[in-house]
């Protein structure tokens, strides 16, 4: 259930655990077609972070729930903050953690439009951005997804599968008939997503399953070990 995605640790728990690496889920509040909620990316980021925290000794933080979703502005409900604001929020969180003695932070990002996060990590010491492209590729293969990240960009097989696994009540009826694939999206940053899809979907949600969602998350939790070793 969605309520289980948030950390329930107390200050006593944190003191006893003394984790050296913190994990910050970063989602968004944006349209995900007619069958997925606006909080989809936040649910996914939290689901990944929870899987990571269950498998590795990390400090799990609550999510950032609004980020850079400007390409989805044509659909009602989408809310964005600027890249500079997101940069500042993440930088402030990292500094607060350092003051508390936690010098390493992993940004668990579930929204592709948060390009600025790569710059934050590039410019900072002790930060990492997860999952990377290779991690998603490995997870797709491990879960047996039939689509690729290129043709399953938004509200498709991958995202719908994770929500079916985490909380199927978040997936509205009709996703089985919601497929929409458009391969050429070269001007997306300039014109937004609306010229490429009327529904807001770019992908094949009809192929989604809860089992795929489970296997996607399990694969990502395994991939995280490499990041922990590097940090």
Protein backbone atom coordinates (compact mmCIF):
# COMPACT_ATOMS: atom_id res chain seq x y z
CA UNK A 1 0.00 0.00 0.00
CA UNK A 2 1.11 3.55 -0.64
CA UNK A 3 1.32 4.35 3.07
CA UNK A 4 3.98 1.67 3.52
CA UNK A 5 6.38 3.51 1.21
CA UNK A 6 7.37 6.16 3.75
CA UNK A 7 10.08 5.57 6.39
CA UNK A 8 8.80 4.89 9.90
CA UNK A 9 12.11 5.10 11.72
CA UNK A 10 12.42 7.08 14.93
CA UNK A 11 15.42 9.17 15.98
CA UNK A 12 16.40 6.27 18.26
CA UNK A 13 16.35 3.88 15.31
CA UNK A 14 18.62 6.18 13.33
CA UNK A 15 21.04 6.56 16.25
CA UNK A 16 21.39 2.80 16.66
CA UNK A 17 21.69 2.11 12.93
CA UNK A 18 24.39 4.74 12.34
CA UNK A 19 24.12 4.39 8.54
CA UNK A 20 26.86 6.06 6.53
CA UNK A 21 24.86 6.44 3.30
CA UNK A 22 21.47 8.14 2.94
CA UNK A 23 18.94 7.43 0.18
CA UNK A 24 16.67 10.23 -1.09
CA UNK A 25 13.72 9.23 -3.34
CA UNK A 26 12.84 11.89 -5.91
CA UNK A 27 9.55 11.65 -7.77
CA UNK A 28 7.22 14.12 -9.44
CA UNK A 29 3.58 15.22 -9.57
CA UNK A 30 2.64 14.89 -13.22
CA UNK A 31 0.18 13.26 -15.58
CA UNK A 32 0.64 9.57 -16.27
CA UNK A 33 -2.17 9.02 -18.71
CA UNK A 34 -5.71 8.06 -17.72
CA UNK A 35 -4.73 4.93 -15.79
CA UNK A 36 -1.93 6.00 -13.42
CA UNK A 37 -2.00 8.68 -10.70
CA UNK A 38 -0.10 11.96 -10.67
CA UNK A 39 2.09 10.58 -7.87
CA UNK A 40 3.33 7.66 -9.99
CA UNK A 41 7.00 8.71 -10.09
CA UNK A 42 7.03 9.35 -6.36
CA UNK A 43 5.54 5.92 -5.67
CA UNK A 44 8.17 4.33 -7.92
CA UNK A 45 11.06 6.26 -6.35
CA UNK A 46 9.87 5.24 -2.88
CA UNK A 47 9.39 1.62 -3.93
CA UNK A 48 12.95 1.46 -5.27
CA UNK A 49 14.35 3.17 -2.18
CA UNK A 50 12.45 0.79 0.12
CA UNK A 51 13.82 -2.24 -1.74
CA UNK A 52 17.31 -0.76 -1.43
CA UNK A 53 16.87 -0.06 2.29
CA UNK A 54 15.64 -3.61 2.89
CA UNK A 55 18.76 -5.03 1.27
CA UNK A 56 21.47 -2.55 2.28
CA UNK A 57 22.49 -0.54 5.38
CA UNK A 58 21.27 2.92 4.39
CA UNK A 59 19.33 5.80 5.95
CA UNK A 60 16.01 6.02 4.11
CA UNK A 61 14.70 9.57 3.68
CA UNK A 62 11.16 10.69 2.75
CA UNK A 63 10.63 11.69 -0.89
CA UNK A 64 10.76 14.91 -2.82
CA UNK A 65 7.33 14.81 -4.45
CA UNK A 66 7.37 17.73 -6.91
CA UNK A 67 10.17 18.25 -9.42
CA UNK A 68 10.81 19.32 -13.04
CA UNK A 69 7.78 18.19 -15.06
CA UNK A 70 7.45 21.12 -17.44
CA UNK A 71 7.16 18.87 -20.50
CA UNK A 72 3.83 17.60 -19.07
CA UNK A 73 2.33 21.04 -18.41
CA UNK A 74 -0.38 20.60 -21.08
CA UNK A 75 -2.23 18.11 -18.82
CA UNK A 76 -4.27 19.21 -15.79
CA UNK A 77 -2.81 18.37 -12.40
CA UNK A 78 0.86 18.55 -13.35
CA UNK A 79 2.89 20.75 -10.98
CA UNK A 80 6.56 21.68 -11.39
CA UNK A 81 9.37 23.50 -9.67
CA UNK A 82 12.35 24.97 -11.48
CA UNK A 83 15.61 23.09 -11.98
CA UNK A 84 17.39 25.66 -9.83
CA UNK A 85 14.89 25.09 -7.01
CA UNK A 86 15.32 21.32 -7.16
CA UNK A 87 19.09 21.83 -7.20
CA UNK A 88 18.88 24.00 -4.08
CA UNK A 89 16.60 21.61 -2.21
CA UNK A 90 18.86 18.61 -2.86
CA UNK A 91 21.98 20.62 -2.01
CA UNK A 92 20.41 21.76 1.27
CA UNK A 93 19.45 18.19 2.17
CA UNK A 94 22.98 16.98 1.42
CA UNK A 95 24.45 19.74 3.60
CA UNK A 96 22.07 18.94 6.46
CA UNK A 97 23.10 15.29 6.29
CA UNK A 98 26.78 16.23 6.34
CA UNK A 99 26.26 18.24 9.50
CA UNK A 100 24.70 15.15 11.02
CA UNK A 101 27.70 13.05 10.02
CA UNK A 102 26.21 11.37 6.94
CA UNK A 103 28.58 12.37 4.15
CA UNK A 104 27.25 10.22 1.32
CA UNK A 105 23.89 10.53 -0.40
CA UNK A 106 22.24 8.58 -3.22
CA UNK A 107 19.51 10.30 -5.22
CA UNK A 108 16.94 7.69 -6.26
CA UNK A 109 15.32 9.42 -9.22
CA UNK A 110 12.16 8.13 -10.91
CA UNK A 111 11.44 11.06 -13.24
CA UNK A 112 13.41 11.33 -16.48
CA UNK A 113 12.94 15.09 -16.71
CA UNK A 114 15.08 15.78 -13.65
CA UNK A 115 18.19 16.36 -15.74
CA UNK A 116 19.64 18.76 -13.17
CA UNK A 117 20.26 15.90 -10.74
CA UNK A 118 23.13 14.69 -12.91
CA UNK A 119 24.76 18.11 -12.57
CA UNK A 120 24.37 18.09 -8.79
CA UNK A 121 26.17 14.74 -8.59
CA UNK A 122 28.77 15.87 -11.11
CA UNK A 123 29.65 18.92 -9.03
CA UNK A 124 29.49 17.34 -5.57
CA UNK A 125 31.56 14.91 -3.53
CA UNK A 126 29.91 11.87 -1.99
CA UNK A 127 26.75 11.90 -4.13
CA UNK A 128 25.45 9.33 -6.60
CA UNK A 129 22.45 9.14 -8.95
CA UNK A 130 20.51 5.88 -9.12
CA UNK A 131 19.25 4.01 -11.11
CA UNK A 132 21.43 4.65 -14.15
CA UNK A 133 20.65 3.59 -17.70
CA UNK A 134 22.55 0.33 -17.30
CA UNK A 135 20.61 -0.49 -14.13
CA UNK A 136 17.26 0.07 -15.86
CA UNK A 137 18.43 -1.99 -18.85
CA UNK A 138 19.42 -4.88 -16.59
CA UNK A 139 16.15 -4.63 -14.67
CA UNK A 140 14.09 -4.71 -17.86
CA UNK A 141 15.94 -7.85 -18.95
CA UNK A 142 15.61 -9.51 -15.54
CA UNK A 143 11.87 -8.84 -15.45
CA UNK A 144 11.29 -10.01 -19.02
CA UNK A 145 9.90 -6.73 -20.28
CA UNK A 146 8.99 -6.79 -23.96
CA UNK A 147 9.60 -3.08 -24.53
CA UNK A 148 12.73 -0.92 -24.42
CA UNK A 149 13.24 2.38 -22.62
CA UNK A 150 13.11 4.12 -26.02
CA UNK A 151 9.57 3.01 -26.90
CA UNK A 152 8.24 2.67 -23.35
CA UNK A 153 8.97 6.14 -22.04
CA UNK A 154 5.96 7.14 -19.97
CA UNK A 155 3.09 5.31 -18.21
CA UNK A 156 3.89 2.16 -20.15
CA UNK A 157 4.89 -1.40 -19.38
CA UNK A 158 7.56 -0.56 -16.80
CA UNK A 159 5.78 2.06 -14.70
CA UNK A 160 2.43 0.28 -14.79
CA UNK A 161 4.09 -2.99 -13.74
CA UNK A 162 5.71 -1.42 -10.69
CA UNK A 163 2.43 0.12 -9.54
CA UNK A 164 0.57 -3.15 -10.12
CA UNK A 165 3.07 -4.77 -7.78
CA UNK A 166 3.25 -2.02 -5.15
CA UNK A 167 -0.45 -1.12 -4.99
CA UNK A 168 -2.76 -2.40 -7.76
CA UNK A 169 -5.53 -0.11 -6.54
CA UNK A 170 -3.52 2.81 -7.95
CA UNK A 171 -3.94 1.44 -11.50
CA UNK A 172 -7.24 2.37 -13.09
CA UNK A 173 -9.13 0.07 -15.42
CA UNK A 174 -8.44 0.42 -19.11
CA UNK A 175 -4.67 0.29 -19.14
CA UNK A 176 -4.90 -2.87 -21.26
CA UNK A 177 -6.13 -0.71 -24.14
CA UNK A 178 -3.92 2.31 -23.47
CA UNK A 179 -0.91 1.56 -25.68
CA UNK A 180 0.57 4.44 -27.65
CA UNK A 181 4.03 4.22 -29.20
CA UNK A 182 5.80 7.07 -30.96
CA UNK A 183 9.48 6.60 -31.71
CA UNK A 184 10.46 10.05 -33.00
CA UNK A 185 10.30 12.53 -30.11
CA UNK A 186 13.35 14.59 -31.01
CA UNK A 187 11.79 17.98 -30.17
CA UNK A 188 10.25 16.96 -26.84
CA UNK A 189 12.31 19.42 -24.77
CA UNK A 190 11.26 22.28 -27.03
CA UNK A 191 7.56 21.55 -27.52
CA UNK A 192 6.75 19.28 -24.58
CA UNK A 193 5.08 15.87 -24.74
CA UNK A 194 1.63 16.94 -25.94
CA UNK A 195 2.41 16.93 -29.71
CA UNK A 196 3.41 13.27 -29.42
CA UNK A 197 0.53 11.80 -27.43
CA UNK A 198 -3.06 12.79 -26.78
CA UNK A 199 -3.48 10.46 -23.81
CA UNK A 200 -0.17 11.28 -22.17
CA UNK A 201 1.03 7.69 -22.59
CA UNK A 202 4.14 6.76 -24.54
CA UNK A 203 4.53 3.02 -24.15
CA UNK A 204 2.62 -0.23 -23.83
CA UNK A 205 0.84 -0.55 -20.48
CA UNK A 206 -1.10 -3.52 -21.88
CA UNK A 207 2.03 -5.63 -21.32
CA UNK A 208 2.33 -4.76 -17.63
CA UNK A 209 2.07 -7.25 -14.77
CA UNK A 210 2.67 -7.28 -11.03
CA UNK A 211 5.28 -10.02 -11.42
CA UNK A 212 7.28 -7.83 -13.77
CA UNK A 213 7.08 -5.02 -11.24
CA UNK A 214 8.38 -7.27 -8.48
CA UNK A 215 11.30 -8.46 -10.60
CA UNK A 216 12.16 -4.94 -11.72
CA UNK A 217 12.50 -3.79 -8.12
CA UNK A 218 14.49 -6.86 -7.10
CA UNK A 219 16.97 -6.29 -9.91
CA UNK A 220 17.42 -2.64 -9.00
CA UNK A 221 18.05 -3.51 -5.35
CA UNK A 222 20.80 -5.84 -6.51
CA UNK A 223 22.35 -3.22 -8.77
CA UNK A 224 22.53 -0.75 -5.89
CA UNK A 225 25.33 -2.73 -4.29
CA UNK A 226 27.76 -1.40 -6.90
CA UNK A 227 26.91 2.18 -5.95
CA UNK A 228 27.38 1.44 -2.28
CA UNK A 229 30.80 -0.03 -3.01
CA UNK A 230 31.85 3.04 -5.03
CA UNK A 231 30.71 5.45 -2.31
